[in-house]
Amino acid sequence: MAAKYVTCRVLTGRGVQCTGEAVDAGAELKICARHLAEAQRLIHDAFQRAGNRPRTQVS
């Protein structure tokens, strides 16, 4: 049986769905690594504009 994977739910401006594999198939928000990174960058930029420092993750 072929492996089934869940695709990213992001649409382009033309309405074409991204074909990347979702990072977490069981998550409510199904997006690929590329779109997840873009969302994280946008959130970081918004925090910077607001004058807030986002929390950094401690390793």
C-alpha atoms as a PDB file:
ATOM      1  CA  MET A   1       0.000   0.000   0.000  1.00  0.00           C
ATOM      2  CA  ALA A   2       1.360   3.439  -0.933  1.00  0.00           C
ATOM      3  CA  ALA A   3       2.095   5.894   1.849  1.00  0.00           C
ATOM      4  CA  LYS A   4      -0.413   8.711   2.075  1.00  0.00           C
ATOM      5  CA  TYR A   5       0.620  12.164   3.211  1.00  0.00           C
ATOM      6  CA  VAL A   6      -1.272  15.355   3.945  1.00  0.00           C
ATOM      7  CA  THR A   7      -0.470  18.380   1.790  1.00  0.00           C
ATOM      8  CA  CYS A   8      -0.085  21.999   2.784  1.00  0.00           C
ATOM      9  CA  ARG A   9      -3.342  24.004   2.750  1.00  0.00           C
ATOM     10  CA  VAL A  10      -1.819  27.317   1.612  1.00  0.00           C
ATOM     11  CA  LEU A  11      -3.140  28.718  -1.664  1.00  0.00           C
ATOM     12  CA  THR A  12      -1.277  30.964  -4.095  1.00  0.00           C
ATOM     13  CA  GLY A  13      -2.760  34.220  -5.331  1.00  0.00           C
ATOM     14  CA  ARG A  14      -4.136  32.257  -8.263  1.00  0.00           C
ATOM     15  CA  GLY A  15      -5.870  29.741  -6.022  1.00  0.00           C
ATOM     16  CA  VAL A  16      -3.409  26.879  -6.605  1.00  0.00           C
ATOM     17  CA  GLN A  17      -2.760  24.763  -3.520  1.00  0.00           C
ATOM     18  CA  CYS A  18       0.817  24.221  -2.325  1.00  0.00           C
ATOM     19  CA  THR A  19       1.986  20.645  -2.883  1.00  0.00           C
ATOM     20  CA  GLY A  20       4.401  20.524   0.071  1.00  0.00           C
ATOM     21  CA  GLU A  21       3.919  17.938   2.788  1.00  0.00           C
ATOM     22  CA  ALA A  22       2.314  19.267   5.986  1.00  0.00           C
ATOM     23  CA  VAL A  23       4.707  19.486   8.943  1.00  0.00           C
ATOM     24  CA  ASP A  24       2.134  17.913  11.283  1.00  0.00           C
ATOM     25  CA  ALA A  25      -0.624  15.953   9.567  1.00  0.00           C
ATOM     26  CA  GLY A  26      -2.673  15.850  12.780  1.00  0.00           C
ATOM     27  CA  ALA A  27      -2.510  19.580  13.491  1.00  0.00           C
ATOM     28  CA  GLU A  28      -5.388  21.987  13.041  1.00  0.00           C
ATOM     29  CA  LEU A  29      -3.213  24.167  10.801  1.00  0.00           C
ATOM     30  CA  LYS A  30      -1.752  22.037   8.018  1.00  0.00           C
ATOM     31  CA  ILE A  31       1.181  23.905   6.447  1.00  0.00           C
ATOM     32  CA  CYS A  32       4.527  22.846   4.995  1.00  0.00           C
ATOM     33  CA  ALA A  33       7.937  23.787   6.396  1.00  0.00           C
ATOM     34  CA  ARG A  34       8.336  26.601   3.868  1.00  0.00           C
ATOM     35  CA  HIS A  35       5.077  28.297   4.820  1.00  0.00           C
ATOM     36  CA  LEU A  36       5.669  27.646   8.535  1.00  0.00           C
ATOM     37  CA  ALA A  37       9.022  29.457   8.283  1.00  0.00           C
ATOM     38  CA  GLU A  38       7.380  32.334   6.418  1.00  0.00           C
ATOM     39  CA  ALA A  39       4.691  32.641   9.105  1.00  0.00           C
ATOM     40  CA  GLN A  40       7.324  32.634  11.861  1.00  0.00           C
ATOM     41  CA  ARG A  41       9.257  35.390  10.070  1.00  0.00           C
ATOM     42  CA  LEU A  42       6.112  37.500   9.680  1.00  0.00           C
ATOM     43  CA  ILE A  43       5.253  37.074  13.362  1.00  0.00           C
ATOM     44  CA  HIS A  44       8.805  37.986  14.373  1.00  0.00           C
ATOM     45  CA  ASP A  45       8.711  41.098  12.173  1.00  0.00           C
ATOM     46  CA  ALA A  46       5.364  42.137  13.674  1.00  0.00           C
ATOM     47  CA  PHE A  47       6.805  41.848  17.189  1.00  0.00           C
ATOM     48  CA  GLN A  48       9.779  43.959  16.141  1.00  0.00           C
ATOM     49  CA  ARG A  49       7.536  46.685  14.706  1.00  0.00           C
ATOM     50  CA  ALA A  50       5.454  46.680  17.882  1.00  0.00           C
ATOM     51  CA  GLY A  51       8.590  47.213  19.960  1.00  0.00           C
ATOM     52  CA  ASN A  52       8.264  43.862  21.706  1.00  0.00           C
ATOM     53  CA  ARG A  53      11.008  41.310  21.896  1.00  0.00           C
ATOM     54  CA  PRO A  54       9.747  37.795  21.143  1.00  0.00           C
ATOM     55  CA  ARG A  55      10.749  35.161  23.659  1.00  0.00           C
ATOM     56  CA  THR A  56      13.760  33.148  22.595  1.00  0.00           C
ATOM     57  CA  GLN A  57      13.843  29.417  23.011  1.00  0.00           C
ATOM     58  CA  VAL A  58      16.392  28.132  25.495  1.00  0.00           C
ATOM     59  CA  SER A  59      18.214  24.988  24.393  1.00  0.00           C
END
